[in-house]
Amino acid sequence: MKLGVFTVLCSDRTFDDMVDYVSSKGLEAVELGTGGYPGNAHCQIEELLDNPDNQQEMLQKLADKGLMISALSCHSNPLHPQNKVADPADKLLRNTIKLASQLGVQVVNTFSGCPGDHDGALYPNWPVAAWPHDYQEVLKWQWEEKLIPYWKDINDFAASHHVKIGLELHGGFSVHTPATMLKLREACGTAIGANLDPSHMWWQGIDPVEAIKILGDADAIHHFHAKDTIIDQQNMNRQGLTDMTPYNEMRSRAWYFRTVGFGHGRKAWADITSALRLVGYDYVVSIEHEDGLMSIDEGFTKAVENLQPVILKEQVGEMWWT
């Protein structure tokens, strides 16, 4: 495995400064945003797509510091019911897939998106209750009319460019659990898999190790994020899992994100990296920083310090003791 970082946390730095900063931490990979929610501070598609010279210059700067690109990321909602939101997201995703192919990058990360509840809707509708039956009807319509047709097309488009899609299992979007991930993959194709982030498993009450086993057994983990979550049980008792309290009101939230090691200890993260090895994942663990209690530098630095001892880098080799 290699340890990397989602460079959106360095959006205030130039590309060259970001590369120097990341390499100074001893990392081996970067995940670059191309637009959407992460922004495109370090990867402007319009300057790179179909431009071999600019591509080579960027790749050389990374190689000179011992860095590779683990993924290009364009998290957005291509299934938003308003075309003014969905159309740019779809164009961005397709262009990001093309650029990844040209750069030799294996994975493009994004969200599954979430449609509305009918063709005239203005906003996404995220059904999370099995009853009343209206929600089941909405869910059925979304999957049959929107999700499956769209992602079948994207699966084939990505496969034709020899790129895999890593969908982040994130609340508020149609694919947010191992079950919904596998449902979409079965319906649309194996170019689609997970960009698995334990932080979103923990707040949904899902054990990340078990999620790794479920998805890993289906060869459905294409990329991996490293971010932590803490549950405030007192607030959980009041607000529940689907807490709508704004993220910046941390004292009142049922759960909030932490840097690696500050929601769950080293043993939990050792179990996670061991489970990744167990299911054959030997790619990049990409740090994502969204900790409201730490500065970017402190949170990132502590994440690196907590992950370095538990990342499994060497090949196992023969079991000499058996």
C-alpha atoms as a PDB file:
ATOM      1  CA  MET A   1       0.000   0.000   0.000  1.00  0.00           C
ATOM      2  CA  LYS A   2       0.975   3.610  -0.491  1.00  0.00           C
ATOM      3  CA  LEU A   3       0.030   6.545   1.705  1.00  0.00           C
ATOM      4  CA  GLY A   4      -1.307   9.603  -0.084  1.00  0.00           C
ATOM      5  CA  VAL A   5      -3.444  12.691   0.379  1.00  0.00           C
ATOM      6  CA  PHE A   6      -6.432  14.368  -1.237  1.00  0.00           C
ATOM      7  CA  THR A   7      -4.778  17.681  -2.021  1.00  0.00           C
ATOM      8  CA  VAL A   8      -7.927  19.798  -1.644  1.00  0.00           C
ATOM      9  CA  LEU A   9      -6.573  20.613   1.830  1.00  0.00           C
ATOM     10  CA  CYS A  10      -3.738  22.465   0.070  1.00  0.00           C
ATOM     11  CA  SER A  11      -6.003  24.508  -2.212  1.00  0.00           C
ATOM     12  CA  ASP A  12      -4.413  27.743  -1.009  1.00  0.00           C
ATOM     13  CA  ARG A  13      -1.003  26.551  -2.235  1.00  0.00           C
ATOM     14  CA  THR A  14       0.341  26.552  -5.781  1.00  0.00           C
ATOM     15  CA  PHE A  15       0.879  23.191  -7.434  1.00  0.00           C
ATOM     16  CA  ASP A  16       4.631  23.415  -6.860  1.00  0.00           C
ATOM     17  CA  ASP A  17       4.206  24.385  -3.208  1.00  0.00           C
ATOM     18  CA  MET A  18       1.678  21.579  -2.708  1.00  0.00           C
ATOM     19  CA  VAL A  19       4.078  19.019  -4.184  1.00  0.00           C
ATOM     20  CA  ASP A  20       6.906  20.198  -1.917  1.00  0.00           C
ATOM     21  CA  TYR A  21       4.627  20.147   1.139  1.00  0.00           C
ATOM     22  CA  VAL A  22       3.217  16.672   0.475  1.00  0.00           C
ATOM     23  CA  SER A  23       6.586  15.131  -0.308  1.00  0.00           C
ATOM     24  CA  SER A  24       8.038  16.644   2.869  1.00  0.00           C
ATOM     25  CA  LYS A  25       5.612  14.453   4.841  1.00  0.00           C
ATOM     26  CA  GLY A  26       7.008  11.301   3.246  1.00  0.00           C
ATOM     27  CA  LEU A  27       3.909  10.507   1.185  1.00  0.00           C
ATOM     28  CA  GLU A  28       3.883   8.648  -2.110  1.00  0.00           C
ATOM     29  CA  ALA A  29       0.636   9.683  -3.822  1.00  0.00           C
ATOM     30  CA  VAL A  30      -1.708  12.575  -4.441  1.00  0.00           C
ATOM     31  CA  GLU A  31      -5.411  12.632  -5.274  1.00  0.00           C
ATOM     32  CA  LEU A  32      -6.224  15.700  -7.365  1.00  0.00           C
ATOM     33  CA  GLY A  33      -9.554  17.502  -7.608  1.00  0.00           C
ATOM     34  CA  THR A  34     -10.678  18.496 -11.107  1.00  0.00           C
ATOM     35  CA  GLY A  35     -13.765  20.457 -10.068  1.00  0.00           C
ATOM     36  CA  GLY A  36     -17.120  20.014  -8.387  1.00  0.00           C
ATOM     37  CA  TYR A  37     -17.155  20.199  -4.596  1.00  0.00           C
ATOM     38  CA  PRO A  38     -13.350  19.668  -4.245  1.00  0.00           C
ATOM     39  CA  GLY A  39     -12.477  22.444  -6.668  1.00  0.00           C
ATOM     40  CA  ASN A  40      -9.615  22.269  -9.167  1.00  0.00           C
ATOM     41  CA  ALA A  41      -6.755  24.133  -7.489  1.00  0.00           C
ATOM     42  CA  HIS A  42      -4.118  21.651  -8.695  1.00  0.00           C
ATOM     43  CA  CYS A  43      -5.657  20.128 -11.833  1.00  0.00           C
ATOM     44  CA  GLN A  44      -7.316  22.426 -14.358  1.00  0.00           C
ATOM     45  CA  ILE A  45      -8.870  20.202 -17.014  1.00  0.00           C
ATOM     46  CA  GLU A  46      -8.990  22.936 -19.639  1.00  0.00           C
ATOM     47  CA  GLU A  47      -5.194  23.293 -19.426  1.00  0.00           C
ATOM     48  CA  LEU A  48      -4.432  19.563 -19.386  1.00  0.00           C
ATOM     49  CA  LEU A  49      -6.966  17.653 -21.496  1.00  0.00           C
ATOM     50  CA  ASP A  50      -5.527  16.803 -24.936  1.00  0.00           C
ATOM     51  CA  ASN A  51      -2.356  18.731 -24.039  1.00  0.00           C
ATOM     52  CA  PRO A  52       0.525  16.228 -23.758  1.00  0.00           C
ATOM     53  CA  ASP A  53       3.115  18.882 -22.990  1.00  0.00           C
ATOM     54  CA  ASN A  54       1.261  20.229 -19.949  1.00  0.00           C
ATOM     55  CA  GLN A  55       0.462  16.708 -18.815  1.00  0.00           C
ATOM     56  CA  GLN A  56       4.091  15.649 -19.013  1.00  0.00           C
ATOM     57  CA  GLU A  57       5.234  18.744 -17.137  1.00  0.00           C
ATOM     58  CA  MET A  58       2.831  17.976 -14.280  1.00  0.00           C
ATOM     59  CA  LEU A  59       3.728  14.290 -14.144  1.00  0.00           C
ATOM     60  CA  GLN A  60       7.431  15.089 -14.152  1.00  0.00           C
ATOM     61  CA  LYS A  61       7.076  17.494 -11.230  1.00  0.00           C
ATOM     62  CA  LEU A  62       5.342  14.753  -9.263  1.00  0.00           C
ATOM     63  CA  ALA A  63       7.837  12.075 -10.277  1.00  0.00           C
ATOM     64  CA  ASP A  64      10.747  14.285  -9.240  1.00  0.00           C
ATOM     65  CA  LYS A  65       9.342  14.188  -5.691  1.00  0.00           C
ATOM     66  CA  GLY A  66       8.521  10.478  -5.772  1.00  0.00           C
ATOM     67  CA  LEU A  67       4.771  11.034  -6.117  1.00  0.00           C
ATOM     68  CA  MET A  68       2.103   9.350  -8.237  1.00  0.00           C
ATOM     69  CA  ILE A  69      -1.531  10.327  -8.877  1.00  0.00           C
ATOM     70  CA  SER A  70      -3.837   7.850  -7.154  1.00  0.00           C
ATOM     71  CA  ALA A  71      -7.066   9.351  -8.519  1.00  0.00           C
ATOM     72  CA  LEU A  72      -8.695  12.361 -10.100  1.00  0.00           C
ATOM     73  CA  SER A  73     -11.745  13.504  -8.139  1.00  0.00           C
ATOM     74  CA  CYS A  74     -14.785  15.433  -9.309  1.00  0.00           C
ATOM     75  CA  HIS A  75     -17.370  14.925  -6.553  1.00  0.00           C
ATOM     76  CA  SER A  76     -20.670  16.447  -7.682  1.00  0.00           C
ATOM     77  CA  ASN A  77     -24.262  15.465  -8.516  1.00  0.00           C
ATOM     78  CA  PRO A  78     -24.695  14.518 -12.200  1.00  0.00           C
ATOM     79  CA  LEU A  79     -28.233  13.304 -11.399  1.00  0.00           C
ATOM     80  CA  HIS A  80     -29.428  16.567  -9.868  1.00  0.00           C
ATOM     81  CA  PRO A  81     -32.976  17.296 -11.092  1.00  0.00           C
ATOM     82  CA  GLN A  82     -31.962  20.758 -12.306  1.00  0.00           C
ATOM     83  CA  ASN A  83     -30.121  20.584 -15.621  1.00  0.00           C
ATOM     84  CA  LYS A  84     -28.057  23.653 -14.759  1.00  0.00           C
ATOM     85  CA  VAL A  85     -26.456  21.553 -12.003  1.00  0.00           C
ATOM     86  CA  ALA A  86     -26.508  18.099 -13.603  1.00  0.00           C
ATOM     87  CA  ASP A  87     -25.197  18.962 -17.068  1.00  0.00           C
ATOM     88  CA  PRO A  88     -21.922  20.614 -15.921  1.00  0.00           C
ATOM     89  CA  ALA A  89     -21.397  17.750 -13.453  1.00  0.00           C
ATOM     90  CA  ASP A  90     -21.829  15.176 -16.211  1.00  0.00           C
ATOM     91  CA  LYS A  91     -19.480  17.062 -18.542  1.00  0.00           C
ATOM     92  CA  LEU A  92     -16.904  17.357 -15.762  1.00  0.00           C
ATOM     93  CA  LEU A  93     -17.091  13.632 -15.004  1.00  0.00           C
ATOM     94  CA  ARG A  94     -16.642  12.617 -18.637  1.00  0.00           C
ATOM     95  CA  ASN A  95     -13.749  15.037 -19.156  1.00  0.00           C
ATOM     96  CA  THR A  96     -12.135  13.821 -15.931  1.00  0.00           C
ATOM     97  CA  ILE A  97     -12.364  10.233 -17.175  1.00  0.00           C
ATOM     98  CA  LYS A  98     -10.727  11.277 -20.455  1.00  0.00           C
ATOM     99  CA  LEU A  99      -7.958  13.124 -18.629  1.00  0.00           C
ATOM    100  CA  ALA A 100      -7.350  10.218 -16.256  1.00  0.00           C
ATOM    101  CA  SER A 101      -6.956   7.935 -19.262  1.00  0.00           C
ATOM    102  CA  GLN A 102      -4.469  10.296 -20.886  1.00  0.00           C
ATOM    103  CA  LEU A 103      -2.474  10.610 -17.652  1.00  0.00           C
ATOM    104  CA  GLY A 104      -2.470   6.883 -16.949  1.00  0.00           C
ATOM    105  CA  VAL A 105      -4.450   7.369 -13.728  1.00  0.00           C
ATOM    106  CA  GLN A 106      -6.435   4.306 -12.691  1.00  0.00           C
ATOM    107  CA  VAL A 107      -9.386   5.847 -10.841  1.00  0.00           C
ATOM    108  CA  VAL A 108     -11.824   8.735 -11.004  1.00  0.00           C
ATOM    109  CA  ASN A 109     -13.618   9.444  -7.716  1.00  0.00           C
ATOM    110  CA  THR A 110     -17.049  11.019  -7.490  1.00  0.00           C
ATOM    111  CA  PHE A 111     -20.507  10.674  -5.914  1.00  0.00           C
ATOM    112  CA  SER A 112     -23.349   8.581  -7.292  1.00  0.00           C
ATOM    113  CA  GLY A 113     -25.576  11.634  -7.302  1.00  0.00           C
ATOM    114  CA  CYS A 114     -29.154  11.785  -6.087  1.00  0.00           C
ATOM    115  CA  PRO A 115     -32.159  12.530  -8.329  1.00  0.00           C
ATOM    116  CA  GLY A 116     -35.400  14.211  -7.418  1.00  0.00           C
ATOM    117  CA  ASP A 117     -38.642  12.290  -6.975  1.00  0.00           C
ATOM    118  CA  HIS A 118     -40.093  12.988 -10.455  1.00  0.00           C
ATOM    119  CA  ASP A 119     -39.051  14.591 -13.724  1.00  0.00           C
ATOM    120  CA  GLY A 120     -40.309  18.014 -12.680  1.00  0.00           C
ATOM    121  CA  ALA A 121     -38.495  18.085  -9.338  1.00  0.00           C
ATOM    122  CA  LEU A 122     -36.207  20.962  -8.401  1.00  0.00           C
ATOM    123  CA  TYR A 123     -34.146  19.365  -5.627  1.00  0.00           C
ATOM    124  CA  PRO A 124     -32.720  15.923  -4.788  1.00  0.00           C
ATOM    125  CA  ASN A 125     -34.820  13.560  -2.691  1.00  0.00           C
ATOM    126  CA  TRP A 126     -32.876  11.102  -0.510  1.00  0.00           C
ATOM    127  CA  PRO A 127     -35.266   8.392   0.756  1.00  0.00           C
ATOM    128  CA  VAL A 128     -34.004   6.762   3.958  1.00  0.00           C
ATOM    129  CA  ALA A 129     -37.197   5.253   5.407  1.00  0.00           C
ATOM    130  CA  ALA A 130     -38.964   2.093   4.211  1.00  0.00           C
ATOM    131  CA  TRP A 131     -42.421   3.353   5.220  1.00  0.00           C
ATOM    132  CA  PRO A 132     -44.749   5.090   4.370  1.00  0.00           C
ATOM    133  CA  HIS A 133     -44.709   3.412   0.972  1.00  0.00           C
ATOM    134  CA  ASP A 134     -44.302   6.702  -0.884  1.00  0.00           C
ATOM    135  CA  TYR A 135     -40.582   6.475  -0.158  1.00  0.00           C
ATOM    136  CA  GLN A 136     -40.362   3.018  -1.705  1.00  0.00           C
ATOM    137  CA  GLU A 137     -42.055   4.327  -4.840  1.00  0.00           C
ATOM    138  CA  VAL A 138     -39.623   7.249  -5.019  1.00  0.00           C
ATOM    139  CA  LEU A 139     -36.658   4.912  -4.523  1.00  0.00           C
ATOM    140  CA  LYS A 140     -37.839   2.518  -7.229  1.00  0.00           C
ATOM    141  CA  TRP A 141     -38.360   5.360  -9.700  1.00  0.00           C
ATOM    142  CA  GLN A 142     -34.954   6.869  -8.964  1.00  0.00           C
ATOM    143  CA  TRP A 143     -33.071   3.636  -9.535  1.00  0.00           C
ATOM    144  CA  GLU A 144     -34.983   2.415 -12.574  1.00  0.00           C
ATOM    145  CA  GLU A 145     -35.363   5.734 -14.366  1.00  0.00           C
ATOM    146  CA  LYS A 146     -32.246   7.661 -13.331  1.00  0.00           C
ATOM    147  CA  LEU A 147     -29.422   5.845 -11.532  1.00  0.00           C
ATOM    148  CA  ILE A 148     -29.144   2.629 -13.511  1.00  0.00           C
ATOM    149  CA  PRO A 149     -29.478   4.155 -17.006  1.00  0.00           C
ATOM    150  CA  TYR A 150     -26.982   6.915 -16.226  1.00  0.00           C
ATOM    151  CA  TRP A 151     -24.365   4.763 -14.547  1.00  0.00           C
ATOM    152  CA  LYS A 152     -24.612   2.010 -17.162  1.00  0.00           C
ATOM    153  CA  ASP A 153     -23.574   4.610 -19.691  1.00  0.00           C
ATOM    154  CA  ILE A 154     -20.779   5.976 -17.481  1.00  0.00           C
ATOM    155  CA  ASN A 155     -19.555   2.449 -16.685  1.00  0.00           C
ATOM    156  CA  ASP A 156     -19.176   1.712 -20.394  1.00  0.00           C
ATOM    157  CA  PHE A 157     -17.582   5.108 -21.061  1.00  0.00           C
ATOM    158  CA  ALA A 158     -15.056   4.611 -18.249  1.00  0.00           C
ATOM    159  CA  ALA A 159     -14.292   1.038 -19.284  1.00  0.00           C
ATOM    160  CA  SER A 160     -13.627   2.159 -22.854  1.00  0.00           C
ATOM    161  CA  HIS A 161     -11.019   4.568 -21.452  1.00  0.00           C
ATOM    162  CA  HIS A 162      -9.530   1.885 -19.126  1.00  0.00           C
ATOM    163  CA  VAL A 163     -10.517   3.891 -16.049  1.00  0.00           C
ATOM    164  CA  LYS A 164     -12.363   2.771 -12.910  1.00  0.00           C
ATOM    165  CA  ILE A 165     -14.986   4.836 -11.084  1.00  0.00           C
ATOM    166  CA  GLY A 166     -14.689   5.125  -7.290  1.00  0.00           C
ATOM    167  CA  LEU A 167     -18.024   6.182  -5.833  1.00  0.00           C
ATOM    168  CA  GLU A 168     -17.740   7.629  -2.342  1.00  0.00           C
ATOM    169  CA  LEU A 169     -20.398   6.079  -0.096  1.00  0.00           C
ATOM    170  CA  HIS A 170     -21.741   9.317   1.297  1.00  0.00           C
ATOM    171  CA  GLY A 171     -25.006  10.241   2.987  1.00  0.00           C
ATOM    172  CA  GLY A 172     -27.285  12.409   0.871  1.00  0.00           C
ATOM    173  CA  PHE A 173     -26.491  10.414  -2.277  1.00  0.00           C
ATOM    174  CA  SER A 174     -28.183   7.303  -3.625  1.00  0.00           C
ATOM    175  CA  VAL A 175     -25.109   5.087  -3.157  1.00  0.00           C
ATOM    176  CA  HIS A 176     -24.141   5.409   0.498  1.00  0.00           C
ATOM    177  CA  THR A 177     -23.790   1.856   1.873  1.00  0.00           C
ATOM    178  CA  PRO A 178     -22.091  -1.370   0.758  1.00  0.00           C
ATOM    179  CA  ALA A 179     -25.502  -2.725  -0.285  1.00  0.00           C
ATOM    180  CA  THR A 180     -26.349   0.225  -2.532  1.00  0.00           C
ATOM    181  CA  MET A 181     -22.810   0.137  -3.948  1.00  0.00           C
ATOM    182  CA  LEU A 182     -23.124  -3.517  -4.914  1.00  0.00           C
ATOM    183  CA  LYS A 183     -26.643  -2.992  -6.263  1.00  0.00           C
ATOM    184  CA  LEU A 184     -25.414  -0.332  -8.683  1.00  0.00           C
ATOM    185  CA  ARG A 185     -22.324  -2.319  -9.642  1.00  0.00           C
ATOM    186  CA  GLU A 186     -24.388  -5.432 -10.398  1.00  0.00           C
ATOM    187  CA  ALA A 187     -26.800  -3.433 -12.544  1.00  0.00           C
ATOM    188  CA  CYS A 188     -24.235  -1.293 -14.378  1.00  0.00           C
ATOM    189  CA  GLY A 189     -20.846  -2.991 -14.557  1.00  0.00           C
ATOM    190  CA  THR A 190     -17.548  -3.630 -12.825  1.00  0.00           C
ATOM    191  CA  ALA A 191     -15.846  -0.371 -13.820  1.00  0.00           C
ATOM    192  CA  ILE A 192     -17.933   1.021 -10.965  1.00  0.00           C
ATOM    193  CA  GLY A 193     -16.684   0.403  -7.430  1.00  0.00           C
ATOM    194  CA  ALA A 194     -16.179   2.197  -4.136  1.00  0.00           C
ATOM    195  CA  ASN A 195     -13.956   4.994  -2.972  1.00  0.00           C
ATOM    196  CA  LEU A 196     -14.409   3.708   0.560  1.00  0.00           C
ATOM    197  CA  ASP A 197     -14.179   6.208   3.421  1.00  0.00           C
ATOM    198  CA  PRO A 198     -14.468   4.756   6.948  1.00  0.00           C
ATOM    199  CA  SER A 199     -15.702   8.076   8.341  1.00  0.00           C
ATOM    200  CA  HIS A 200     -19.001   7.706   6.467  1.00  0.00           C
ATOM    201  CA  MET A 201     -19.366   4.117   7.593  1.00  0.00           C
ATOM    202  CA  TRP A 202     -18.955   4.935  11.280  1.00  0.00           C
ATOM    203  CA  TRP A 203     -21.643   7.632  11.383  1.00  0.00           C
ATOM    204  CA  GLN A 204     -24.085   5.299   9.614  1.00  0.00           C
ATOM    205  CA  GLY A 205     -23.447   2.573  12.209  1.00  0.00           C
ATOM    206  CA  ILE A 206     -21.479   0.397   9.767  1.00  0.00           C
ATOM    207  CA  ASP A 207     -18.251  -1.288  10.863  1.00  0.00           C
ATOM    208  CA  PRO A 208     -15.613  -0.240   8.282  1.00  0.00           C
ATOM    209  CA  VAL A 209     -13.779  -3.559   8.591  1.00  0.00           C
ATOM    210  CA  GLU A 210     -16.934  -5.441   7.688  1.00  0.00           C
ATOM    211  CA  ALA A 211     -17.632  -2.990   4.851  1.00  0.00           C
ATOM    212  CA  ILE A 212     -14.141  -3.711   3.519  1.00  0.00           C
ATOM    213  CA  LYS A 213     -14.828  -7.452   3.617  1.00  0.00           C
ATOM    214  CA  ILE A 214     -18.212  -7.102   1.911  1.00  0.00           C
ATOM    215  CA  LEU A 215     -16.919  -4.883  -0.878  1.00  0.00           C
ATOM    216  CA  GLY A 216     -13.496  -6.521  -1.094  1.00  0.00           C
ATOM    217  CA  ASP A 217     -14.985  -9.962  -1.626  1.00  0.00           C
ATOM    218  CA  ALA A 218     -16.726  -8.498  -4.677  1.00  0.00           C
ATOM    219  CA  ASP A 219     -13.481  -6.832  -5.862  1.00  0.00           C
ATOM    220  CA  ALA A 220     -15.372  -3.559  -5.556  1.00  0.00           C
ATOM    221  CA  ILE A 221     -12.881  -1.296  -3.721  1.00  0.00           C
ATOM    222  CA  HIS A 222     -11.209   0.968  -6.272  1.00  0.00           C
ATOM    223  CA  HIS A 223      -9.814   3.622  -3.914  1.00  0.00           C
ATOM    224  CA  PHE A 224      -9.673   4.346  -0.180  1.00  0.00           C
ATOM    225  CA  HIS A 225      -9.975   7.531   1.894  1.00  0.00           C
ATOM    226  CA  ALA A 226      -8.547   7.918   5.400  1.00  0.00           C
ATOM    227  CA  LYS A 227     -10.749  10.079   7.594  1.00  0.00           C
ATOM    228  CA  ASP A 228     -12.143   9.528  11.080  1.00  0.00           C
ATOM    229  CA  THR A 229     -15.457  10.212  12.834  1.00  0.00           C
ATOM    230  CA  ILE A 230     -16.423  10.640  16.457  1.00  0.00           C
ATOM    231  CA  ILE A 231     -19.895   9.929  17.831  1.00  0.00           C
ATOM    232  CA  ASP A 232     -21.176  12.272  20.550  1.00  0.00           C
ATOM    233  CA  GLN A 233     -23.579   9.881  22.237  1.00  0.00           C
ATOM    234  CA  GLN A 234     -25.420  12.568  24.185  1.00  0.00           C
ATOM    235  CA  ASN A 235     -26.191  14.450  20.990  1.00  0.00           C
ATOM    236  CA  MET A 236     -26.830  11.201  19.151  1.00  0.00           C
ATOM    237  CA  ASN A 237     -29.562  10.412  21.647  1.00  0.00           C
ATOM    238  CA  ARG A 238     -31.176  13.744  20.787  1.00  0.00           C
ATOM    239  CA  GLN A 239     -30.474  14.135  17.056  1.00  0.00           C
ATOM    240  CA  GLY A 240     -30.085  10.605  15.692  1.00  0.00           C
ATOM    241  CA  LEU A 241     -27.808   9.482  12.859  1.00  0.00           C
ATOM    242  CA  THR A 242     -29.369  11.696  10.213  1.00  0.00           C
ATOM    243  CA  ASP A 243     -28.449  14.828  12.139  1.00  0.00           C
ATOM    244  CA  MET A 244     -29.180  18.035  10.202  1.00  0.00           C
ATOM    245  CA  THR A 245     -27.239  20.303  12.573  1.00  0.00           C
ATOM    246  CA  PRO A 246     -24.759  22.365  10.486  1.00  0.00           C
ATOM    247  CA  TYR A 247     -21.226  20.972  10.456  1.00  0.00           C
ATOM    248  CA  ASN A 248     -19.790  24.085  12.083  1.00  0.00           C
ATOM    249  CA  GLU A 249     -22.011  23.662  15.163  1.00  0.00           C
ATOM    250  CA  MET A 250     -19.847  20.820  16.379  1.00  0.00           C
ATOM    251  CA  ARG A 251     -20.793  21.037  20.038  1.00  0.00           C
ATOM    252  CA  SER A 252     -24.398  20.228  19.104  1.00  0.00           C
ATOM    253  CA  ARG A 253     -23.834  17.569  16.461  1.00  0.00           C
ATOM    254  CA  ALA A 254     -24.423  13.837  16.953  1.00  0.00           C
ATOM    255  CA  TRP A 255     -21.230  13.081  15.027  1.00  0.00           C
ATOM    256  CA  TYR A 256     -18.447  14.984  13.333  1.00  0.00           C
ATOM    257  CA  PHE A 257     -15.319  14.257  11.357  1.00  0.00           C
ATOM    258  CA  ARG A 258     -11.885  13.954  12.977  1.00  0.00           C
ATOM    259  CA  THR A 259      -8.407  13.413  11.677  1.00  0.00           C
ATOM    260  CA  VAL A 260      -7.186   9.807  11.697  1.00  0.00           C
ATOM    261  CA  GLY A 261      -6.666   8.531  15.242  1.00  0.00           C
ATOM    262  CA  PHE A 262      -8.843  11.110  16.979  1.00  0.00           C
ATOM    263  CA  GLY A 263     -12.140   9.306  16.501  1.00  0.00           C
ATOM    264  CA  HIS A 264     -10.817   5.745  16.669  1.00  0.00           C
ATOM    265  CA  GLY A 265      -7.464   4.563  17.958  1.00  0.00           C
ATOM    266  CA  ARG A 266      -4.495   2.956  16.258  1.00  0.00           C
ATOM    267  CA  LYS A 267      -5.876  -0.564  16.772  1.00  0.00           C
ATOM    268  CA  ALA A 268      -9.010   0.309  14.777  1.00  0.00           C
ATOM    269  CA  TRP A 269      -6.896   1.699  11.950  1.00  0.00           C
ATOM    270  CA  ALA A 270      -4.546  -1.302  12.089  1.00  0.00           C
ATOM    271  CA  ASP A 271      -7.626  -3.508  11.710  1.00  0.00           C
ATOM    272  CA  ILE A 272      -8.712  -1.434   8.705  1.00  0.00           C
ATOM    273  CA  THR A 273      -5.395  -1.659   6.858  1.00  0.00           C
ATOM    274  CA  SER A 274      -5.149  -5.358   7.708  1.00  0.00           C
ATOM    275  CA  ALA A 275      -8.648  -5.923   6.284  1.00  0.00           C
ATOM    276  CA  LEU A 276      -7.604  -4.103   3.117  1.00  0.00           C
ATOM    277  CA  ARG A 277      -4.612  -6.457   2.812  1.00  0.00           C
ATOM    278  CA  LEU A 278      -6.886  -9.430   3.560  1.00  0.00           C
ATOM    279  CA  VAL A 279      -9.179  -8.672   0.605  1.00  0.00           C
ATOM    280  CA  GLY A 280      -6.297  -7.916  -1.752  1.00  0.00           C
ATOM    281  CA  TYR A 281      -6.395  -4.121  -1.820  1.00  0.00           C
ATOM    282  CA  ASP A 282      -2.850  -2.949  -2.401  1.00  0.00           C
ATOM    283  CA  TYR A 283      -3.340   0.557  -3.734  1.00  0.00           C
ATOM    284  CA  VAL A 284      -3.416   3.986  -2.081  1.00  0.00           C
ATOM    285  CA  VAL A 285      -4.809   5.089   1.284  1.00  0.00           C
ATOM    286  CA  SER A 286      -5.563   8.768   0.672  1.00  0.00           C
ATOM    287  CA  ILE A 287      -5.786  11.114   3.664  1.00  0.00           C
ATOM    288  CA  GLU A 288      -8.719  13.521   3.683  1.00  0.00           C
ATOM    289  CA  HIS A 289      -8.733  16.345   6.230  1.00  0.00           C
ATOM    290  CA  GLU A 290     -12.098  17.703   7.430  1.00  0.00           C
ATOM    291  CA  ASP A 291     -11.412  18.118  11.153  1.00  0.00           C
ATOM    292  CA  GLY A 292     -12.997  21.259  12.604  1.00  0.00           C
ATOM    293  CA  LEU A 293     -10.856  21.047  15.762  1.00  0.00           C
ATOM    294  CA  MET A 294      -7.461  21.144  14.056  1.00  0.00           C
ATOM    295  CA  SER A 295      -5.648  23.370  11.612  1.00  0.00           C
ATOM    296  CA  ILE A 296      -4.935  21.864   8.216  1.00  0.00           C
ATOM    297  CA  ASP A 297      -1.253  21.358   8.947  1.00  0.00           C
ATOM    298  CA  GLU A 298      -1.774  19.889  12.400  1.00  0.00           C
ATOM    299  CA  GLY A 299      -4.600  17.591  11.304  1.00  0.00           C
ATOM    300  CA  PHE A 300      -2.737  16.406   8.220  1.00  0.00           C
ATOM    301  CA  THR A 301       0.507  15.888  10.110  1.00  0.00           C
ATOM    302  CA  LYS A 302      -1.176  13.871  12.853  1.00  0.00           C
ATOM    303  CA  ALA A 303      -3.000  11.747  10.275  1.00  0.00           C
ATOM    304  CA  VAL A 304       0.327  10.903   8.635  1.00  0.00           C
ATOM    305  CA  GLU A 305       1.907  10.127  12.009  1.00  0.00           C
ATOM    306  CA  ASN A 306      -0.978   7.843  12.996  1.00  0.00           C
ATOM    307  CA  LEU A 307      -1.172   6.013   9.674  1.00  0.00           C
ATOM    308  CA  GLN A 308       2.518   5.446   8.954  1.00  0.00           C
ATOM    309  CA  PRO A 309       2.914   2.747  11.642  1.00  0.00           C
ATOM    310  CA  VAL A 310      -0.115   0.742  10.443  1.00  0.00           C
ATOM    311  CA  ILE A 311       0.243   0.958   6.651  1.00  0.00           C
ATOM    312  CA  LEU A 312       1.318  -2.414   5.243  1.00  0.00           C
ATOM    313  CA  LYS A 313       3.912  -1.756   2.542  1.00  0.00           C
ATOM    314  CA  GLU A 314       5.928  -4.929   2.000  1.00  0.00           C
ATOM    315  CA  GLN A 315       4.721  -7.946   0.064  1.00  0.00           C
ATOM    316  CA  VAL A 316       3.901 -10.885   2.306  1.00  0.00           C
ATOM    317  CA  GLY A 317       5.941 -13.523   0.514  1.00  0.00           C
ATOM    318  CA  GLU A 318       5.830 -17.221   1.314  1.00  0.00           C
ATOM    319  CA  MET A 319       4.270 -18.361   4.590  1.00  0.00           C
ATOM    320  CA  TRP A 320       7.534 -19.927   5.781  1.00  0.00           C
ATOM    321  CA  TRP A 321       6.048 -21.077   9.094  1.00  0.00           C
ATOM    322  CA  THR A 322       3.360 -23.344   7.591  1.00  0.00           C
END
